[in-house]
Amino acid sequence: MSENIKGYDTETLGLRLSLLVGSLRASGILDEGGCIHLNAVPVTSVVDGELLAKLCPNCDKQLPVHS
């Protein structure tokens, strides 16, 4: 029998967590290193100010504009 945490068994919580992490990774919010890119800063063109990408200063990953 599995343990119980606030009314949920640990197997159910583990499955929910696994699904959440999978969807966060699929959407690009969470990368394999565990960074969720909360402090991503815009990278703009010096020519016309167009938003080109975003850069996460925590993990140094370049992110697409829509993230």
PDB file of N, CA and C in Angstrom:
ATOM      1  N   MET A   1       0.843  -1.189   0.000  1.00  0.00           N
ATOM      2  CA  MET A   1       0.000   0.000   0.000  1.00  0.00           C
ATOM      3  C   MET A   1       0.884   1.246   0.000  1.00  0.00           C
ATOM      4  N   SER A   2       0.522   2.239  -0.801  1.00  0.00           N
ATOM      5  CA  SER A   2       1.339   3.448  -0.892  1.00  0.00           C
ATOM      6  C   SER A   2       1.042   4.402   0.258  1.00  0.00           C
ATOM      7  N   GLU A   3       1.977   5.317   0.484  1.00  0.00           N
ATOM      8  CA  GLU A   3       1.816   6.308   1.544  1.00  0.00           C
ATOM      9  C   GLU A   3       0.759   7.327   1.150  1.00  0.00           C
ATOM     10  N   ASN A   4       0.345   8.116   2.113  1.00  0.00           N
ATOM     11  CA  ASN A   4      -0.688   9.106   1.894  1.00  0.00           C
ATOM     12  C   ASN A   4      -0.176  10.476   2.331  1.00  0.00           C
ATOM     13  N   ILE A   5      -0.323  11.483   1.458  1.00  0.00           N
ATOM     14  CA  ILE A   5       0.077  12.848   1.775  1.00  0.00           C
ATOM     15  C   ILE A   5      -1.131  13.745   1.531  1.00  0.00           C
ATOM     16  N   LYS A   6      -1.693  14.285   2.601  1.00  0.00           N
ATOM     17  CA  LYS A   6      -2.853  15.182   2.537  1.00  0.00           C
ATOM     18  C   LYS A   6      -3.966  14.630   1.652  1.00  0.00           C
ATOM     19  N   GLY A   7      -4.254  13.369   1.809  1.00  0.00           N
ATOM     20  CA  GLY A   7      -5.365  12.777   1.082  1.00  0.00           C
ATOM     21  C   GLY A   7      -5.013  12.180  -0.267  1.00  0.00           C
ATOM     22  N   TYR A   8      -3.785  12.352  -0.738  1.00  0.00           N
ATOM     23  CA  TYR A   8      -3.358  11.792  -2.016  1.00  0.00           C
ATOM     24  C   TYR A   8      -2.340  10.694  -1.761  1.00  0.00           C
ATOM     25  N   ASP A   9      -2.475   9.602  -2.477  1.00  0.00           N
ATOM     26  CA  ASP A   9      -1.448   8.574  -2.326  1.00  0.00           C
ATOM     27  C   ASP A   9      -0.225   8.997  -3.136  1.00  0.00           C
ATOM     28  N   THR A  10       0.933   8.563  -2.719  1.00  0.00           N
ATOM     29  CA  THR A  10       2.186   9.008  -3.341  1.00  0.00           C
ATOM     30  C   THR A  10       2.304   8.554  -4.791  1.00  0.00           C
ATOM     31  N   GLU A  11       1.671   7.462  -5.158  1.00  0.00           N
ATOM     32  CA  GLU A  11       1.708   7.029  -6.565  1.00  0.00           C
ATOM     33  C   GLU A  11       0.980   8.029  -7.457  1.00  0.00           C
ATOM     34  N   THR A  12      -0.180   8.513  -6.999  1.00  0.00           N
ATOM     35  CA  THR A  12      -0.944   9.504  -7.759  1.00  0.00           C
ATOM     36  C   THR A  12      -0.162  10.811  -7.848  1.00  0.00           C
ATOM     37  N   LEU A  13       0.423  11.244  -6.752  1.00  0.00           N
ATOM     38  CA  LEU A  13       1.222  12.472  -6.767  1.00  0.00           C
ATOM     39  C   LEU A  13       2.416  12.341  -7.697  1.00  0.00           C
ATOM     40  N   GLY A  14       3.070  11.187  -7.672  1.00  0.00           N
ATOM     41  CA  GLY A  14       4.214  10.963  -8.554  1.00  0.00           C
ATOM     42  C   GLY A  14       3.813  11.017 -10.012  1.00  0.00           C
ATOM     43  N   LEU A  15       2.685  10.423 -10.362  1.00  0.00           N
ATOM     44  CA  LEU A  15       2.196  10.440 -11.736  1.00  0.00           C
ATOM     45  C   LEU A  15       1.853  11.860 -12.166  1.00  0.00           C
ATOM     46  N   ARG A  16       1.179  12.604 -11.284  1.00  0.00           N
ATOM     47  CA  ARG A  16       0.829  13.993 -11.615  1.00  0.00           C
ATOM     48  C   ARG A  16       2.081  14.850 -11.811  1.00  0.00           C
ATOM     49  N   LEU A  17       3.062  14.666 -10.953  1.00  0.00           N
ATOM     50  CA  LEU A  17       4.309  15.414 -11.080  1.00  0.00           C
ATOM     51  C   LEU A  17       5.028  15.067 -12.370  1.00  0.00           C
ATOM     52  N   SER A  18       5.063  13.800 -12.713  1.00  0.00           N
ATOM     53  CA  SER A  18       5.703  13.352 -13.944  1.00  0.00           C
ATOM     54  C   SER A  18       5.023  13.962 -15.167  1.00  0.00           C
ATOM     55  N   LEU A  19       3.698  13.994 -15.174  1.00  0.00           N
ATOM     56  CA  LEU A  19       2.958  14.594 -16.290  1.00  0.00           C
ATOM     57  C   LEU A  19       3.211  16.094 -16.374  1.00  0.00           C
ATOM     58  N   LEU A  20       3.259  16.768 -15.229  1.00  0.00           N
ATOM     59  CA  LEU A  20       3.516  18.201 -15.196  1.00  0.00           C
ATOM     60  C   LEU A  20       4.907  18.518 -15.736  1.00  0.00           C
ATOM     61  N   VAL A  21       5.909  17.808 -15.264  1.00  0.00           N
ATOM     62  CA  VAL A  21       7.283  18.035 -15.716  1.00  0.00           C
ATOM     63  C   VAL A  21       7.386  17.758 -17.219  1.00  0.00           C
ATOM     64  N   GLY A  22       6.743  16.694 -17.687  1.00  0.00           N
ATOM     65  CA  GLY A  22       6.760  16.377 -19.112  1.00  0.00           C
ATOM     66  C   GLY A  22       6.151  17.475 -19.956  1.00  0.00           C
ATOM     67  N   SER A  23       5.025  18.026 -19.512  1.00  0.00           N
ATOM     68  CA  SER A  23       4.394  19.090 -20.287  1.00  0.00           C
ATOM     69  C   SER A  23       5.200  20.384 -20.224  1.00  0.00           C
ATOM     70  N   LEU A  24       5.841  20.672 -19.086  1.00  0.00           N
ATOM     71  CA  LEU A  24       6.690  21.864 -18.992  1.00  0.00           C
ATOM     72  C   LEU A  24       7.905  21.737 -19.902  1.00  0.00           C
ATOM     73  N   ARG A  25       8.471  20.541 -19.990  1.00  0.00           N
ATOM     74  CA  ARG A  25       9.607  20.332 -20.895  1.00  0.00           C
ATOM     75  C   ARG A  25       9.168  20.419 -22.350  1.00  0.00           C
ATOM     76  N   ALA A  26       8.030  19.841 -22.686  1.00  0.00           N
ATOM     77  CA  ALA A  26       7.531  19.868 -24.068  1.00  0.00           C
ATOM     78  C   ALA A  26       7.234  21.290 -24.528  1.00  0.00           C
ATOM     79  N   SER A  27       6.798  22.130 -23.616  1.00  0.00           N
ATOM     80  CA  SER A  27       6.474  23.508 -23.979  1.00  0.00           C
ATOM     81  C   SER A  27       7.700  24.420 -23.952  1.00  0.00           C
ATOM     82  N   GLY A  28       8.838  23.898 -23.496  1.00  0.00           N
ATOM     83  CA  GLY A  28      10.058  24.697 -23.459  1.00  0.00           C
ATOM     84  C   GLY A  28      10.219  25.523 -22.204  1.00  0.00           C
ATOM     85  N   ILE A  29       9.289  25.419 -21.279  1.00  0.00           N
ATOM     86  CA  ILE A  29       9.375  26.189 -20.040  1.00  0.00           C
ATOM     87  C   ILE A  29      10.461  25.627 -19.129  1.00  0.00           C
ATOM     88  N   LEU A  30      10.559  24.323 -19.072  1.00  0.00           N
ATOM     89  CA  LEU A  30      11.544  23.661 -18.216  1.00  0.00           C
ATOM     90  C   LEU A  30      12.510  22.899 -19.100  1.00  0.00           C
ATOM     91  N   ASP A  31      13.803  23.163 -18.965  1.00  0.00           N
ATOM     92  CA  ASP A  31      14.770  22.433 -19.771  1.00  0.00           C
ATOM     93  C   ASP A  31      15.341  21.258 -18.990  1.00  0.00           C
ATOM     94  N   GLU A  32      16.179  20.478 -19.633  1.00  0.00           N
ATOM     95  CA  GLU A  32      16.747  19.283 -19.004  1.00  0.00           C
ATOM     96  C   GLU A  32      17.586  19.622 -17.772  1.00  0.00           C
ATOM     97  N   GLY A  33      18.147  20.810 -17.722  1.00  0.00           N
ATOM     98  CA  GLY A  33      18.940  21.223 -16.572  1.00  0.00           C
ATOM     99  C   GLY A  33      18.114  21.700 -15.393  1.00  0.00           C
ATOM    100  N   GLY A  34      16.813  21.810 -15.584  1.00  0.00           N
ATOM    101  CA  GLY A  34      15.931  22.218 -14.503  1.00  0.00           C
ATOM    102  C   GLY A  34      15.636  23.709 -14.444  1.00  0.00           C
ATOM    103  N   CYS A  35      16.178  24.488 -15.354  1.00  0.00           N
ATOM    104  CA  CYS A  35      15.933  25.934 -15.348  1.00  0.00           C
ATOM    105  C   CYS A  35      14.557  26.220 -15.949  1.00  0.00           C
ATOM    106  N   ILE A  36      13.811  27.130 -15.322  1.00  0.00           N
ATOM    107  CA  ILE A  36      12.508  27.511 -15.859  1.00  0.00           C
ATOM    108  C   ILE A  36      12.528  28.912 -16.474  1.00  0.00           C
ATOM    109  N   HIS A  37      13.692  29.495 -16.600  1.00  0.00           N
ATOM    110  CA  HIS A  37      13.936  30.736 -17.338  1.00  0.00           C
ATOM    111  C   HIS A  37      13.067  31.915 -16.872  1.00  0.00           C
ATOM    112  N   LEU A  38      12.901  32.057 -15.567  1.00  0.00           N
ATOM    113  CA  LEU A  38      12.076  33.138 -15.032  1.00  0.00           C
ATOM    114  C   LEU A  38      12.658  34.524 -15.304  1.00  0.00           C
ATOM    115  N   ASN A  39      13.964  34.619 -15.418  1.00  0.00           N
ATOM    116  CA  ASN A  39      14.608  35.927 -15.588  1.00  0.00           C
ATOM    117  C   ASN A  39      15.060  36.183 -17.022  1.00  0.00           C
ATOM    118  N   ALA A  40      14.425  35.519 -17.993  1.00  0.00           N
ATOM    119  CA  ALA A  40      14.808  35.700 -19.398  1.00  0.00           C
ATOM    120  C   ALA A  40      14.650  37.164 -19.802  1.00  0.00           C
ATOM    121  N   VAL A  41      15.645  37.669 -20.504  1.00  0.00           N
ATOM    122  CA  VAL A  41      15.639  39.070 -20.936  1.00  0.00           C
ATOM    123  C   VAL A  41      15.537  39.140 -22.454  1.00  0.00           C
ATOM    124  N   PRO A  42      14.900  40.173 -22.979  1.00  0.00           N
ATOM    125  CA  PRO A  42      14.760  40.299 -24.419  1.00  0.00           C
ATOM    126  C   PRO A  42      16.090  40.614 -25.102  1.00  0.00           C
ATOM    127  N   VAL A  43      16.252  40.088 -26.297  1.00  0.00           N
ATOM    128  CA  VAL A  43      17.402  40.399 -27.154  1.00  0.00           C
ATOM    129  C   VAL A  43      16.820  41.130 -28.358  1.00  0.00           C
ATOM    130  N   THR A  44      17.183  42.397 -28.502  1.00  0.00           N
ATOM    131  CA  THR A  44      16.609  43.204 -29.585  1.00  0.00           C
ATOM    132  C   THR A  44      17.669  43.635 -30.582  1.00  0.00           C
ATOM    133  N   SER A  45      17.210  43.894 -31.787  1.00  0.00           N
ATOM    134  CA  SER A  45      18.087  44.353 -32.858  1.00  0.00           C
ATOM    135  C   SER A  45      18.502  45.797 -32.588  1.00  0.00           C
ATOM    136  N   VAL A  46      19.790  46.093 -32.746  1.00  0.00           N
ATOM    137  CA  VAL A  46      20.257  47.472 -32.579  1.00  0.00           C
ATOM    138  C   VAL A  46      19.875  48.321 -33.788  1.00  0.00           C
ATOM    139  N   VAL A  47      19.506  47.669 -34.876  1.00  0.00           N
ATOM    140  CA  VAL A  47      19.141  48.394 -36.100  1.00  0.00           C
ATOM    141  C   VAL A  47      17.718  48.937 -36.010  1.00  0.00           C
ATOM    142  N   ASP A  48      16.749  48.049 -35.708  1.00  0.00           N
ATOM    143  CA  ASP A  48      15.361  48.496 -35.728  1.00  0.00           C
ATOM    144  C   ASP A  48      14.580  48.194 -34.450  1.00  0.00           C
ATOM    145  N   GLY A  49      15.234  47.665 -33.423  1.00  0.00           N
ATOM    146  CA  GLY A  49      14.578  47.398 -32.162  1.00  0.00           C
ATOM    147  C   GLY A  49      13.691  46.162 -32.146  1.00  0.00           C
ATOM    148  N   GLU A  50      13.721  45.387 -33.238  1.00  0.00           N
ATOM    149  CA  GLU A  50      12.899  44.175 -33.314  1.00  0.00           C
ATOM    150  C   GLU A  50      13.337  43.159 -32.261  1.00  0.00           C
ATOM    151  N   LEU A  51      12.359  42.519 -31.634  1.00  0.00           N
ATOM    152  CA  LEU A  51      12.653  41.468 -30.666  1.00  0.00           C
ATOM    153  C   LEU A  51      13.104  40.221 -31.424  1.00  0.00           C
ATOM    154  N   LEU A  52      14.340  39.800 -31.174  1.00  0.00           N
ATOM    155  CA  LEU A  52      14.921  38.680 -31.904  1.00  0.00           C
ATOM    156  C   LEU A  52      14.830  37.363 -31.140  1.00  0.00           C
ATOM    157  N   ALA A  53      14.996  37.428 -29.849  1.00  0.00           N
ATOM    158  CA  ALA A  53      15.001  36.225 -29.010  1.00  0.00           C
ATOM    159  C   ALA A  53      14.946  36.677 -27.564  1.00  0.00           C
ATOM    160  N   LYS A  54      15.041  35.705 -26.670  1.00  0.00           N
ATOM    161  CA  LYS A  54      15.202  35.976 -25.248  1.00  0.00           C
ATOM    162  C   LYS A  54      16.405  35.182 -24.773  1.00  0.00           C
ATOM    163  N   LEU A  55      17.060  35.677 -23.746  1.00  0.00           N
ATOM    164  CA  LEU A  55      18.229  35.004 -23.193  1.00  0.00           C
ATOM    165  C   LEU A  55      18.043  34.845 -21.691  1.00  0.00           C
ATOM    166  N   CYS A  56      18.253  33.625 -21.219  1.00  0.00           N
ATOM    167  CA  CYS A  56      18.149  33.364 -19.791  1.00  0.00           C
ATOM    168  C   CYS A  56      19.523  33.561 -19.153  1.00  0.00           C
ATOM    169  N   PRO A  57      19.666  34.538 -18.274  1.00  0.00           N
ATOM    170  CA  PRO A  57      20.958  34.780 -17.642  1.00  0.00           C
ATOM    171  C   PRO A  57      21.341  33.699 -16.625  1.00  0.00           C
ATOM    172  N   ASN A  58      20.361  32.915 -16.171  1.00  0.00           N
ATOM    173  CA  ASN A  58      20.646  31.871 -15.195  1.00  0.00           C
ATOM    174  C   ASN A  58      21.358  30.671 -15.812  1.00  0.00           C
ATOM    175  N   CYS A  59      20.927  30.288 -17.025  1.00  0.00           N
ATOM    176  CA  CYS A  59      21.517  29.102 -17.660  1.00  0.00           C
ATOM    177  C   CYS A  59      22.159  29.428 -19.006  1.00  0.00           C
ATOM    178  N   ASP A  60      22.089  30.676 -19.431  1.00  0.00           N
ATOM    179  CA  ASP A  60      22.695  31.167 -20.674  1.00  0.00           C
ATOM    180  C   ASP A  60      22.081  30.526 -21.919  1.00  0.00           C
ATOM    181  N   LYS A  61      20.814  30.156 -21.840  1.00  0.00           N
ATOM    182  CA  LYS A  61      20.138  29.551 -22.981  1.00  0.00           C
ATOM    183  C   LYS A  61      19.384  30.609 -23.772  1.00  0.00           C
ATOM    184  N   GLN A  62      19.512  30.546 -25.113  1.00  0.00           N
ATOM    185  CA  GLN A  62      18.743  31.420 -25.975  1.00  0.00           C
ATOM    186  C   GLN A  62      17.363  30.806 -26.194  1.00  0.00           C
ATOM    187  N   LEU A  63      16.320  31.590 -25.994  1.00  0.00           N
ATOM    188  CA  LEU A  63      14.949  31.132 -26.102  1.00  0.00           C
ATOM    189  C   LEU A  63      14.256  31.811 -27.266  1.00  0.00           C
ATOM    190  N   PRO A  64      13.252  31.142 -27.837  1.00  0.00           N
ATOM    191  CA  PRO A  64      12.503  31.798 -28.914  1.00  0.00           C
ATOM    192  C   PRO A  64      11.721  32.997 -28.385  1.00  0.00           C
ATOM    193  N   VAL A  65      11.324  33.859 -29.283  1.00  0.00           N
ATOM    194  CA  VAL A  65      10.618  35.085 -28.911  1.00  0.00           C
ATOM    195  C   VAL A  65       9.324  34.784 -28.172  1.00  0.00           C
ATOM    196  N   HIS A  66       8.587  33.779 -28.571  1.00  0.00           N
ATOM    197  CA  HIS A  66       7.268  33.502 -28.008  1.00  0.00           C
ATOM    198  C   HIS A  66       7.297  32.887 -26.610  1.00  0.00           C
ATOM    199  N   SER A  67       8.466  32.576 -26.064  1.00  0.00           N
ATOM    200  CA  SER A  67       8.515  31.919 -24.747  1.00  0.00           C
ATOM    201  C   SER A  67       8.363  32.908 -23.614  1.00  0.00           C
TER     202      SER A  67
END
